[in-house]
């Protein structure tokens, strides 16, 4: 395991345990306006995602690589979980983008006990 993988694992583990079937409401540090709509929070429902979403995300990306560890892939997962256009997620400030991608990473890499 390389240092990057270890750091990603530590970051994902540092998130509070979130029940898998709950919608997570993430309040944006810096609200964004896209298409005339102001977004102050994202309602993330990762459990609603299916392999159809995975295929759609893969087709949106030019070079699918190690999906779970790609920030671009994670941003697309967040957009689908929040049911908002990817443009909303791309408009997020760096702190907000980091926080929601860590949640996506945790969802993608956490296994059931």
PDB file of N, CA and C in Angstrom:
ATOM      1  N   UNK A   1       0.860  -1.180   0.000  1.00  0.00           N
ATOM      2  CA  UNK A   1       0.000   0.000   0.000  1.00  0.00           C
ATOM      3  C   UNK A   1       0.901   1.235   0.000  1.00  0.00           C
ATOM      4  N   UNK A   2       0.653   2.160  -0.949  1.00  0.00           N
ATOM      5  CA  UNK A   2       1.490   3.355  -1.006  1.00  0.00           C
ATOM      6  C   UNK A   2       0.965   4.432  -0.067  1.00  0.00           C
ATOM      7  N   UNK A   3       1.747   5.521   0.074  1.00  0.00           N
ATOM      8  CA  UNK A   3       1.379   6.595   1.006  1.00  0.00           C
ATOM      9  C   UNK A   3       0.052   7.247   0.647  1.00  0.00           C
ATOM     10  N   UNK A   4      -0.209   7.434  -0.672  1.00  0.00           N
ATOM     11  CA  UNK A   4      -1.464   8.058  -1.093  1.00  0.00           C
ATOM     12  C   UNK A   4      -2.656   7.216  -0.671  1.00  0.00           C
ATOM     13  N   UNK A   5      -2.556   5.903  -0.851  1.00  0.00           N
ATOM     14  CA  UNK A   5      -3.649   5.019  -0.464  1.00  0.00           C
ATOM     15  C   UNK A   5      -3.857   5.054   1.035  1.00  0.00           C
ATOM     16  N   UNK A   6      -2.760   5.071   1.805  1.00  0.00           N
ATOM     17  CA  UNK A   6      -2.872   5.131   3.261  1.00  0.00           C
ATOM     18  C   UNK A   6      -3.536   6.433   3.687  1.00  0.00           C
ATOM     19  N   UNK A   7      -3.157   7.556   3.046  1.00  0.00           N
ATOM     20  CA  UNK A   7      -3.757   8.839   3.397  1.00  0.00           C
ATOM     21  C   UNK A   7      -5.242   8.863   3.065  1.00  0.00           C
ATOM     22  N   UNK A   8      -5.612   8.288   1.932  1.00  0.00           N
ATOM     23  CA  UNK A   8      -7.027   8.221   1.558  1.00  0.00           C
ATOM     24  C   UNK A   8      -7.788   7.384   2.564  1.00  0.00           C
ATOM     25  N   UNK A   9      -7.225   6.234   2.949  1.00  0.00           N
ATOM     26  CA  UNK A   9      -7.875   5.379   3.929  1.00  0.00           C
ATOM     27  C   UNK A   9      -8.072   6.105   5.257  1.00  0.00           C
ATOM     28  N   UNK A  10      -7.042   6.823   5.716  1.00  0.00           N
ATOM     29  CA  UNK A  10      -7.147   7.565   6.977  1.00  0.00           C
ATOM     30  C   UNK A  10      -8.223   8.640   6.883  1.00  0.00           C
ATOM     31  N   UNK A  11      -8.274   9.344   5.761  1.00  0.00           N
ATOM     32  CA  UNK A  11      -9.269  10.405   5.589  1.00  0.00           C
ATOM     33  C   UNK A  11     -10.673   9.825   5.595  1.00  0.00           C
ATOM     34  N   UNK A  12     -10.868   8.723   4.913  1.00  0.00           N
ATOM     35  CA  UNK A  12     -12.195   8.108   4.863  1.00  0.00           C
ATOM     36  C   UNK A  12     -12.597   7.595   6.240  1.00  0.00           C
ATOM     37  N   UNK A  13     -11.655   7.026   6.987  1.00  0.00           N
ATOM     38  CA  UNK A  13     -11.958   6.502   8.305  1.00  0.00           C
ATOM     39  C   UNK A  13     -12.232   7.611   9.313  1.00  0.00           C
ATOM     40  N   UNK A  14     -11.732   8.814   9.042  1.00  0.00           N
ATOM     41  CA  UNK A  14     -11.907   9.904   9.994  1.00  0.00           C
ATOM     42  C   UNK A  14     -13.321  10.473   9.977  1.00  0.00           C
ATOM     43  N   UNK A  15     -14.084  10.149   8.935  1.00  0.00           N
ATOM     44  CA  UNK A  15     -15.466  10.625   8.903  1.00  0.00           C
ATOM     45  C   UNK A  15     -16.261   9.888   9.968  1.00  0.00           C
ATOM     46  N   UNK A  16     -17.226  10.565  10.546  1.00  0.00           N
ATOM     47  CA  UNK A  16     -18.094   9.896  11.505  1.00  0.00           C
ATOM     48  C   UNK A  16     -18.824   8.771  10.797  1.00  0.00           C
ATOM     49  N   UNK A  17     -19.111   7.710  11.515  1.00  0.00           N
ATOM     50  CA  UNK A  17     -19.874   6.609  10.923  1.00  0.00           C
ATOM     51  C   UNK A  17     -21.256   7.128  10.565  1.00  0.00           C
ATOM     52  N   UNK A  18     -21.627   6.934   9.326  1.00  0.00           N
ATOM     53  CA  UNK A  18     -22.905   7.439   8.838  1.00  0.00           C
ATOM     54  C   UNK A  18     -23.759   6.244   8.459  1.00  0.00           C
ATOM     55  N   UNK A  19     -24.976   6.139   9.008  1.00  0.00           N
ATOM     56  CA  UNK A  19     -25.823   5.011   8.631  1.00  0.00           C
ATOM     57  C   UNK A  19     -25.985   4.949   7.116  1.00  0.00           C
ATOM     58  N   UNK A  20     -25.820   3.746   6.566  1.00  0.00           N
ATOM     59  CA  UNK A  20     -25.783   3.583   5.115  1.00  0.00           C
ATOM     60  C   UNK A  20     -27.089   3.956   4.431  1.00  0.00           C
ATOM     61  N   UNK A  21     -28.219   3.788   5.116  1.00  0.00           N
ATOM     62  CA  UNK A  21     -29.503   4.011   4.451  1.00  0.00           C
ATOM     63  C   UNK A  21     -30.071   5.405   4.688  1.00  0.00           C
ATOM     64  N   UNK A  22     -29.315   6.281   5.282  1.00  0.00           N
ATOM     65  CA  UNK A  22     -29.797   7.628   5.566  1.00  0.00           C
ATOM     66  C   UNK A  22     -29.353   8.613   4.497  1.00  0.00           C
ATOM     67  N   UNK A  23     -30.202   9.591   4.250  1.00  0.00           N
ATOM     68  CA  UNK A  23     -29.827  10.705   3.397  1.00  0.00           C
ATOM     69  C   UNK A  23     -28.972  11.632   4.253  1.00  0.00           C
ATOM     70  N   UNK A  24     -27.821  11.987   3.737  1.00  0.00           N
ATOM     71  CA  UNK A  24     -26.930  12.897   4.444  1.00  0.00           C
ATOM     72  C   UNK A  24     -27.174  14.303   3.931  1.00  0.00           C
ATOM     73  N   UNK A  25     -27.416  15.230   4.846  1.00  0.00           N
ATOM     74  CA  UNK A  25     -27.569  16.624   4.449  1.00  0.00           C
ATOM     75  C   UNK A  25     -26.246  17.318   4.747  1.00  0.00           C
ATOM     76  N   UNK A  26     -25.608  17.799   3.683  1.00  0.00           N
ATOM     77  CA  UNK A  26     -24.349  18.501   3.832  1.00  0.00           C
ATOM     78  C   UNK A  26     -24.603  19.986   3.586  1.00  0.00           C
ATOM     79  N   UNK A  27     -24.398  20.799   4.607  1.00  0.00           N
ATOM     80  CA  UNK A  27     -24.563  22.251   4.477  1.00  0.00           C
ATOM     81  C   UNK A  27     -23.285  22.826   3.895  1.00  0.00           C
ATOM     82  N   UNK A  28     -23.421  23.522   2.780  1.00  0.00           N
ATOM     83  CA  UNK A  28     -22.257  24.077   2.105  1.00  0.00           C
ATOM     84  C   UNK A  28     -21.625  25.197   2.928  1.00  0.00           C
ATOM     85  N   UNK A  29     -20.318  25.193   2.994  1.00  0.00           N
ATOM     86  CA  UNK A  29     -19.572  26.263   3.651  1.00  0.00           C
ATOM     87  C   UNK A  29     -19.766  27.546   2.856  1.00  0.00           C
ATOM     88  N   UNK A  30     -19.726  27.401   1.545  1.00  0.00           N
ATOM     89  CA  UNK A  30     -19.876  28.542   0.640  1.00  0.00           C
ATOM     90  C   UNK A  30     -20.966  28.192  -0.382  1.00  0.00           C
ATOM     91  N   UNK A  31     -22.183  28.717  -0.205  1.00  0.00           N
ATOM     92  CA  UNK A  31     -23.262  28.423  -1.163  1.00  0.00           C
ATOM     93  C   UNK A  31     -22.858  28.780  -2.594  1.00  0.00           C
ATOM     94  N   UNK A  32     -23.427  28.054  -3.555  1.00  0.00           N
ATOM     95  CA  UNK A  32     -23.127  28.299  -4.961  1.00  0.00           C
ATOM     96  C   UNK A  32     -24.417  28.563  -5.725  1.00  0.00           C
ATOM     97  N   UNK A  33     -24.302  29.365  -6.759  1.00  0.00           N
ATOM     98  CA  UNK A  33     -25.433  29.669  -7.625  1.00  0.00           C
ATOM     99  C   UNK A  33     -25.122  29.127  -9.015  1.00  0.00           C
ATOM    100  N   UNK A  34     -26.002  28.279  -9.510  1.00  0.00           N
ATOM    101  CA  UNK A  34     -25.838  27.684 -10.835  1.00  0.00           C
ATOM    102  C   UNK A  34     -27.188  27.709 -11.524  1.00  0.00           C
ATOM    103  N   UNK A  35     -27.214  28.236 -12.726  1.00  0.00           N
ATOM    104  CA  UNK A  35     -28.456  28.262 -13.498  1.00  0.00           C
ATOM    105  C   UNK A  35     -29.569  29.026 -12.805  1.00  0.00           C
ATOM    106  N   UNK A  36     -29.205  30.055 -12.065  1.00  0.00           N
ATOM    107  CA  UNK A  36     -30.207  30.861 -11.382  1.00  0.00           C
ATOM    108  C   UNK A  36     -30.720  30.273 -10.073  1.00  0.00           C
ATOM    109  N   UNK A  37     -30.204  29.102  -9.682  1.00  0.00           N
ATOM    110  CA  UNK A  37     -30.602  28.488  -8.413  1.00  0.00           C
ATOM    111  C   UNK A  37     -29.463  28.599  -7.414  1.00  0.00           C
ATOM    112  N   UNK A  38     -29.807  28.962  -6.180  1.00  0.00           N
ATOM    113  CA  UNK A  38     -28.821  29.046  -5.107  1.00  0.00           C
ATOM    114  C   UNK A  38     -28.852  27.733  -4.329  1.00  0.00           C
ATOM    115  N   UNK A  39     -27.699  27.107  -4.199  1.00  0.00           N
ATOM    116  CA  UNK A  39     -27.582  25.858  -3.448  1.00  0.00           C
ATOM    117  C   UNK A  39     -26.875  26.159  -2.133  1.00  0.00           C
ATOM    118  N   UNK A  40     -27.543  25.849  -1.023  1.00  0.00           N
ATOM    119  CA  UNK A  40     -26.959  26.065   0.303  1.00  0.00           C
ATOM    120  C   UNK A  40     -26.640  24.742   0.985  1.00  0.00           C
ATOM    121  N   UNK A  41     -27.182  23.648   0.443  1.00  0.00           N
ATOM    122  CA  UNK A  41     -26.933  22.324   0.993  1.00  0.00           C
ATOM    123  C   UNK A  41     -27.099  21.282  -0.104  1.00  0.00           C
ATOM    124  N   UNK A  42     -26.548  20.105   0.152  1.00  0.00           N
ATOM    125  CA  UNK A  42     -26.723  18.970  -0.743  1.00  0.00           C
ATOM    126  C   UNK A  42     -27.320  17.835   0.065  1.00  0.00           C
ATOM    127  N   UNK A  43     -28.340  17.208  -0.461  1.00  0.00           N
ATOM    128  CA  UNK A  43     -28.930  16.031   0.181  1.00  0.00           C
ATOM    129  C   UNK A  43     -28.380  14.816  -0.541  1.00  0.00           C
ATOM    130  N   UNK A  44     -27.448  14.141   0.115  1.00  0.00           N
ATOM    131  CA  UNK A  44     -26.731  13.031  -0.489  1.00  0.00           C
ATOM    132  C   UNK A  44     -27.390  11.706  -0.126  1.00  0.00           C
ATOM    133  N   UNK A  45     -27.850  10.989  -1.127  1.00  0.00           N
ATOM    134  CA  UNK A  45     -28.437   9.669  -0.907  1.00  0.00           C
ATOM    135  C   UNK A  45     -27.620   8.654  -1.698  1.00  0.00           C
ATOM    136  N   UNK A  46     -26.499   8.266  -1.130  1.00  0.00           N
ATOM    137  CA  UNK A  46     -25.608   7.334  -1.804  1.00  0.00           C
ATOM    138  C   UNK A  46     -26.276   5.972  -2.001  1.00  0.00           C
ATOM    139  N   UNK A  47     -27.137   5.569  -1.072  1.00  0.00           N
ATOM    140  CA  UNK A  47     -27.777   4.262  -1.180  1.00  0.00           C
ATOM    141  C   UNK A  47     -28.734   4.152  -2.353  1.00  0.00           C
ATOM    142  N   UNK A  48     -29.129   5.273  -2.931  1.00  0.00           N
ATOM    143  CA  UNK A  48     -30.026   5.219  -4.083  1.00  0.00           C
ATOM    144  C   UNK A  48     -29.278   4.885  -5.372  1.00  0.00           C
ATOM    145  N   UNK A  49     -27.949   4.942  -5.325  1.00  0.00           N
ATOM    146  CA  UNK A  49     -27.153   4.713  -6.519  1.00  0.00           C
ATOM    147  C   UNK A  49     -27.074   3.226  -6.868  1.00  0.00           C
ATOM    148  N   UNK A  50     -27.030   2.948  -8.164  1.00  0.00           N
ATOM    149  CA  UNK A  50     -26.953   1.569  -8.653  1.00  0.00           C
ATOM    150  C   UNK A  50     -25.830   1.443  -9.673  1.00  0.00           C
ATOM    151  N   UNK A  51     -25.668   0.254 -10.199  1.00  0.00           N
ATOM    152  CA  UNK A  51     -24.654   0.035 -11.225  1.00  0.00           C
ATOM    153  C   UNK A  51     -24.976   0.824 -12.491  1.00  0.00           C
ATOM    154  N   UNK A  52     -26.235   1.178 -12.696  1.00  0.00           N
ATOM    155  CA  UNK A  52     -26.602   2.032 -13.834  1.00  0.00           C
ATOM    156  C   UNK A  52     -25.919   3.390 -13.686  1.00  0.00           C
ATOM    157  N   UNK A  53     -25.883   3.914 -12.466  1.00  0.00           N
ATOM    158  CA  UNK A  53     -25.181   5.175 -12.212  1.00  0.00           C
ATOM    159  C   UNK A  53     -23.691   5.018 -12.490  1.00  0.00           C
ATOM    160  N   UNK A  54     -23.121   3.892 -12.081  1.00  0.00           N
ATOM    161  CA  UNK A  54     -21.701   3.649 -12.313  1.00  0.00           C
ATOM    162  C   UNK A  54     -21.396   3.650 -13.812  1.00  0.00           C
ATOM    163  N   UNK A  55     -22.230   2.979 -14.584  1.00  0.00           N
ATOM    164  CA  UNK A  55     -22.032   2.945 -16.039  1.00  0.00           C
ATOM    165  C   UNK A  55     -22.164   4.344 -16.643  1.00  0.00           C
ATOM    166  N   UNK A  56     -23.146   5.094 -16.180  1.00  0.00           N
ATOM    167  CA  UNK A  56     -23.354   6.454 -16.701  1.00  0.00           C
ATOM    168  C   UNK A  56     -22.165   7.349 -16.374  1.00  0.00           C
ATOM    169  N   UNK A  57     -21.639   7.225 -15.185  1.00  0.00           N
ATOM    170  CA  UNK A  57     -20.476   8.024 -14.796  1.00  0.00           C
ATOM    171  C   UNK A  57     -19.280   7.625 -15.650  1.00  0.00           C
ATOM    172  N   UNK A  58     -19.068   6.329 -15.814  1.00  0.00           N
ATOM    173  CA  UNK A  58     -17.954   5.861 -16.649  1.00  0.00           C
ATOM    174  C   UNK A  58     -18.054   6.415 -18.062  1.00  0.00           C
ATOM    175  N   UNK A  59     -19.270   6.474 -18.604  1.00  0.00           N
ATOM    176  CA  UNK A  59     -19.420   6.984 -19.970  1.00  0.00           C
ATOM    177  C   UNK A  59     -19.192   8.493 -20.032  1.00  0.00           C
ATOM    178  N   UNK A  60     -19.389   9.198 -18.911  1.00  0.00           N
ATOM    179  CA  UNK A  60     -19.134  10.641 -18.855  1.00  0.00           C
ATOM    180  C   UNK A  60     -17.646  10.966 -18.783  1.00  0.00           C
ATOM    181  N   UNK A  61     -16.871  10.028 -18.282  1.00  0.00           N
ATOM    182  CA  UNK A  61     -15.439  10.260 -18.091  1.00  0.00           C
ATOM    183  C   UNK A  61     -14.656   9.760 -19.289  1.00  0.00           C
ATOM    184  N   UNK A  62     -13.637  10.515 -19.676  1.00  0.00           N
ATOM    185  CA  UNK A  62     -12.808  10.126 -20.812  1.00  0.00           C
ATOM    186  C   UNK A  62     -11.970   8.888 -20.517  1.00  0.00           C
ATOM    187  N   UNK A  63     -11.370   8.877 -19.334  1.00  0.00           N
ATOM    188  CA  UNK A  63     -10.459   7.789 -18.980  1.00  0.00           C
ATOM    189  C   UNK A  63     -10.803   7.241 -17.603  1.00  0.00           C
ATOM    190  N   UNK A  64     -11.787   6.357 -17.517  1.00  0.00           N
ATOM    191  CA  UNK A  64     -12.050   5.771 -16.200  1.00  0.00           C
ATOM    192  C   UNK A  64     -10.803   5.028 -15.714  1.00  0.00           C
ATOM    193  N   UNK A  65     -10.342   5.363 -14.532  1.00  0.00           N
ATOM    194  CA  UNK A  65      -9.168   4.688 -13.986  1.00  0.00           C
ATOM    195  C   UNK A  65      -9.572   4.007 -12.695  1.00  0.00           C
ATOM    196  N   UNK A  66      -8.785   4.167 -11.679  1.00  0.00           N
ATOM    197  CA  UNK A  66      -9.163   3.610 -10.387  1.00  0.00           C
ATOM    198  C   UNK A  66     -10.311   4.447  -9.842  1.00  0.00           C
ATOM    199  N   UNK A  67     -11.497   4.064 -10.223  1.00  0.00           N
ATOM    200  CA  UNK A  67     -12.682   4.881  -9.958  1.00  0.00           C
ATOM    201  C   UNK A  67     -12.772   5.408  -8.541  1.00  0.00           C
ATOM    202  N   UNK A  68     -12.701   4.529  -7.588  1.00  0.00           N
ATOM    203  CA  UNK A  68     -12.948   4.933  -6.203  1.00  0.00           C
ATOM    204  C   UNK A  68     -11.963   5.998  -5.725  1.00  0.00           C
ATOM    205  N   UNK A  69     -10.774   6.034  -6.327  1.00  0.00           N
ATOM    206  CA  UNK A  69      -9.750   6.962  -5.867  1.00  0.00           C
ATOM    207  C   UNK A  69      -9.631   8.200  -6.749  1.00  0.00           C
ATOM    208  N   UNK A  70     -10.438   8.275  -7.779  1.00  0.00           N
ATOM    209  CA  UNK A  70     -10.416   9.424  -8.677  1.00  0.00           C
ATOM    210  C   UNK A  70     -11.351  10.501  -8.149  1.00  0.00           C
ATOM    211  N   UNK A  71     -10.820  11.697  -7.925  1.00  0.00           N
ATOM    212  CA  UNK A  71     -11.663  12.806  -7.449  1.00  0.00           C
ATOM    213  C   UNK A  71     -12.757  13.127  -8.469  1.00  0.00           C
ATOM    214  N   UNK A  72     -12.435  13.020  -9.744  1.00  0.00           N
ATOM    215  CA  UNK A  72     -13.430  13.296 -10.781  1.00  0.00           C
ATOM    216  C   UNK A  72     -14.586  12.308 -10.677  1.00  0.00           C
ATOM    217  N   UNK A  73     -14.259  11.046 -10.510  1.00  0.00           N
ATOM    218  CA  UNK A  73     -15.299  10.026 -10.350  1.00  0.00           C
ATOM    219  C   UNK A  73     -16.137  10.317  -9.098  1.00  0.00           C
ATOM    220  N   UNK A  74     -15.464  10.637  -7.990  1.00  0.00           N
ATOM    221  CA  UNK A  74     -16.164  10.923  -6.739  1.00  0.00           C
ATOM    222  C   UNK A  74     -17.096  12.122  -6.885  1.00  0.00           C
ATOM    223  N   UNK A  75     -16.663  13.159  -7.613  1.00  0.00           N
ATOM    224  CA  UNK A  75     -17.523  14.323  -7.836  1.00  0.00           C
ATOM    225  C   UNK A  75     -18.777  13.923  -8.614  1.00  0.00           C
ATOM    226  N   UNK A  76     -18.622  13.046  -9.586  1.00  0.00           N
ATOM    227  CA  UNK A  76     -19.782  12.572 -10.343  1.00  0.00           C
ATOM    228  C   UNK A  76     -20.707  11.727  -9.462  1.00  0.00           C
ATOM    229  N   UNK A  77     -20.133  10.931  -8.578  1.00  0.00           N
ATOM    230  CA  UNK A  77     -20.942  10.148  -7.639  1.00  0.00           C
ATOM    231  C   UNK A  77     -21.744  11.087  -6.741  1.00  0.00           C
ATOM    232  N   UNK A  78     -21.097  12.128  -6.249  1.00  0.00           N
ATOM    233  CA  UNK A  78     -21.777  13.115  -5.396  1.00  0.00           C
ATOM    234  C   UNK A  78     -22.939  13.761  -6.152  1.00  0.00           C
ATOM    235  N   UNK A  79     -22.700  14.155  -7.405  1.00  0.00           N
ATOM    236  CA  UNK A  79     -23.759  14.788  -8.196  1.00  0.00           C
ATOM    237  C   UNK A  79     -24.957  13.854  -8.326  1.00  0.00           C
ATOM    238  N   UNK A  80     -24.696  12.581  -8.591  1.00  0.00           N
ATOM    239  CA  UNK A  80     -25.794  11.623  -8.739  1.00  0.00           C
ATOM    240  C   UNK A  80     -26.485  11.371  -7.402  1.00  0.00           C
ATOM    241  N   UNK A  81     -25.716  11.276  -6.324  1.00  0.00           N
ATOM    242  CA  UNK A  81     -26.310  11.046  -5.003  1.00  0.00           C
ATOM    243  C   UNK A  81     -27.165  12.236  -4.575  1.00  0.00           C
ATOM    244  N   UNK A  82     -26.749  13.439  -4.966  1.00  0.00           N
ATOM    245  CA  UNK A  82     -27.488  14.653  -4.604  1.00  0.00           C
ATOM    246  C   UNK A  82     -28.577  14.991  -5.628  1.00  0.00           C
ATOM    247  N   UNK A  83     -28.561  14.255  -6.748  1.00  0.00           N
ATOM    248  CA  UNK A  83     -29.532  14.492  -7.826  1.00  0.00           C
ATOM    249  C   UNK A  83     -29.504  15.941  -8.306  1.00  0.00           C
ATOM    250  N   UNK A  84     -28.272  16.414  -8.532  1.00  0.00           N
ATOM    251  CA  UNK A  84     -28.055  17.757  -9.079  1.00  0.00           C
ATOM    252  C   UNK A  84     -27.135  17.629 -10.292  1.00  0.00           C
ATOM    253  N   UNK A  85     -27.181  18.606 -11.189  1.00  0.00           N
ATOM    254  CA  UNK A  85     -26.262  18.574 -12.332  1.00  0.00           C
ATOM    255  C   UNK A  85     -24.804  18.646 -11.870  1.00  0.00           C
ATOM    256  N   UNK A  86     -23.917  18.010 -12.612  1.00  0.00           N
ATOM    257  CA  UNK A  86     -22.494  18.023 -12.267  1.00  0.00           C
ATOM    258  C   UNK A  86     -21.963  19.452 -12.186  1.00  0.00           C
ATOM    259  N   UNK A  87     -22.567  20.373 -12.913  1.00  0.00           N
ATOM    260  CA  UNK A  87     -22.126  21.773 -12.875  1.00  0.00           C
ATOM    261  C   UNK A  87     -22.247  22.366 -11.471  1.00  0.00           C
ATOM    262  N   UNK A  88     -23.236  21.923 -10.711  1.00  0.00           N
ATOM    263  CA  UNK A  88     -23.380  22.391  -9.327  1.00  0.00           C
ATOM    264  C   UNK A  88     -22.188  21.927  -8.506  1.00  0.00           C
ATOM    265  N   UNK A  89     -21.817  20.683  -8.676  1.00  0.00           N
ATOM    266  CA  UNK A  89     -20.702  20.128  -7.906  1.00  0.00           C
ATOM    267  C   UNK A  89     -19.388  20.769  -8.344  1.00  0.00           C
ATOM    268  N   UNK A  90     -19.240  21.026  -9.621  1.00  0.00           N
ATOM    269  CA  UNK A  90     -18.024  21.678 -10.122  1.00  0.00           C
ATOM    270  C   UNK A  90     -17.891  23.112  -9.607  1.00  0.00           C
ATOM    271  N   UNK A  91     -19.002  23.732  -9.236  1.00  0.00           N
ATOM    272  CA  UNK A  91     -18.977  25.111  -8.736  1.00  0.00           C
ATOM    273  C   UNK A  91     -18.640  25.187  -7.245  1.00  0.00           C
ATOM    274  N   UNK A  92     -18.592  24.054  -6.558  1.00  0.00           N
ATOM    275  CA  UNK A  92     -18.311  24.061  -5.122  1.00  0.00           C
ATOM    276  C   UNK A  92     -16.929  24.620  -4.830  1.00  0.00           C
ATOM    277  N   UNK A  93     -16.828  25.278  -3.693  1.00  0.00           N
ATOM    278  CA  UNK A  93     -15.518  25.700  -3.207  1.00  0.00           C
ATOM    279  C   UNK A  93     -14.684  24.469  -2.865  1.00  0.00           C
ATOM    280  N   UNK A  94     -13.389  24.642  -2.786  1.00  0.00           N
ATOM    281  CA  UNK A  94     -12.483  23.525  -2.555  1.00  0.00           C
ATOM    282  C   UNK A  94     -12.792  22.780  -1.257  1.00  0.00           C
ATOM    283  N   UNK A  95     -13.089  23.507  -0.182  1.00  0.00           N
ATOM    284  CA  UNK A  95     -13.395  22.848   1.095  1.00  0.00           C
ATOM    285  C   UNK A  95     -14.653  21.996   0.980  1.00  0.00           C
ATOM    286  N   UNK A  96     -15.696  22.545   0.362  1.00  0.00           N
ATOM    287  CA  UNK A  96     -16.925  21.773   0.188  1.00  0.00           C
ATOM    288  C   UNK A  96     -16.691  20.561  -0.702  1.00  0.00           C
ATOM    289  N   UNK A  97     -15.967  20.751  -1.802  1.00  0.00           N
ATOM    290  CA  UNK A  97     -15.693  19.643  -2.718  1.00  0.00           C
ATOM    291  C   UNK A  97     -14.911  18.538  -2.009  1.00  0.00           C
ATOM    292  N   UNK A  98     -13.954  18.932  -1.191  1.00  0.00           N
ATOM    293  CA  UNK A  98     -13.166  17.945  -0.447  1.00  0.00           C
ATOM    294  C   UNK A  98     -14.054  17.166   0.513  1.00  0.00           C
ATOM    295  N   UNK A  99     -14.907  17.867   1.237  1.00  0.00           N
ATOM    296  CA  UNK A  99     -15.768  17.201   2.213  1.00  0.00           C
ATOM    297  C   UNK A  99     -16.737  16.216   1.566  1.00  0.00           C
ATOM    298  N   UNK A 100     -17.345  16.615   0.461  1.00  0.00           N
ATOM    299  CA  UNK A 100     -18.319  15.706  -0.159  1.00  0.00           C
ATOM    300  C   UNK A 100     -17.633  14.550  -0.879  1.00  0.00           C
ATOM    301  N   UNK A 101     -16.425  14.782  -1.418  1.00  0.00           N
ATOM    302  CA  UNK A 101     -15.731  13.655  -2.054  1.00  0.00           C
ATOM    303  C   UNK A 101     -15.231  12.663  -1.008  1.00  0.00           C
ATOM    304  N   UNK A 102     -14.888  13.130   0.169  1.00  0.00           N
ATOM    305  CA  UNK A 102     -14.527  12.202   1.249  1.00  0.00           C
ATOM    306  C   UNK A 102     -15.719  11.341   1.633  1.00  0.00           C
ATOM    307  N   UNK A 103     -16.911  11.917   1.616  1.00  0.00           N
ATOM    308  CA  UNK A 103     -18.112  11.134   1.901  1.00  0.00           C
ATOM    309  C   UNK A 103     -18.353  10.091   0.806  1.00  0.00           C
ATOM    310  N   UNK A 104     -18.137  10.491  -0.432  1.00  0.00           N
ATOM    311  CA  UNK A 104     -18.289   9.547  -1.543  1.00  0.00           C
ATOM    312  C   UNK A 104     -17.262   8.421  -1.415  1.00  0.00           C
ATOM    313  N   UNK A 105     -16.019   8.780  -1.112  1.00  0.00           N
ATOM    314  CA  UNK A 105     -14.977   7.772  -0.953  1.00  0.00           C
ATOM    315  C   UNK A 105     -15.330   6.794   0.167  1.00  0.00           C
ATOM    316  N   UNK A 106     -15.798   7.318   1.262  1.00  0.00           N
ATOM    317  CA  UNK A 106     -16.189   6.464   2.383  1.00  0.00           C
ATOM    318  C   UNK A 106     -17.300   5.504   1.945  1.00  0.00           C
ATOM    319  N   UNK A 107     -18.287   6.018   1.251  1.00  0.00           N
ATOM    320  CA  UNK A 107     -19.377   5.168   0.763  1.00  0.00           C
ATOM    321  C   UNK A 107     -18.851   4.095  -0.186  1.00  0.00           C
ATOM    322  N   UNK A 108     -17.984   4.475  -1.098  1.00  0.00           N
ATOM    323  CA  UNK A 108     -17.492   3.538  -2.109  1.00  0.00           C
ATOM    324  C   UNK A 108     -16.565   2.468  -1.549  1.00  0.00           C
ATOM    325  N   UNK A 109     -15.858   2.763  -0.475  1.00  0.00           N
ATOM    326  CA  UNK A 109     -14.824   1.842   0.012  1.00  0.00           C
ATOM    327  C   UNK A 109     -15.147   1.142   1.322  1.00  0.00           C
ATOM    328  N   UNK A 110     -16.223   1.529   1.986  1.00  0.00           N
ATOM    329  CA  UNK A 110     -16.578   0.898   3.250  1.00  0.00           C
ATOM    330  C   UNK A 110     -17.344  -0.377   2.967  1.00  0.00           C
ATOM    331  N   UNK A 111     -16.926  -1.442   3.630  1.00  0.00           N
ATOM    332  CA  UNK A 111     -17.604  -2.725   3.451  1.00  0.00           C
ATOM    333  C   UNK A 111     -18.477  -3.010   4.672  1.00  0.00           C
ATOM    334  N   UNK A 112     -19.505  -3.799   4.442  1.00  0.00           N
ATOM    335  CA  UNK A 112     -20.395  -4.188   5.542  1.00  0.00           C
ATOM    336  C   UNK A 112     -19.653  -5.139   6.456  1.00  0.00           C
ATOM    337  N   UNK A 113     -19.887  -5.008   7.749  1.00  0.00           N
ATOM    338  CA  UNK A 113     -19.237  -5.891   8.727  1.00  0.00           C
ATOM    339  C   UNK A 113     -19.908  -7.227   8.779  1.00  0.00           C
TER     340      UNK A 113
END
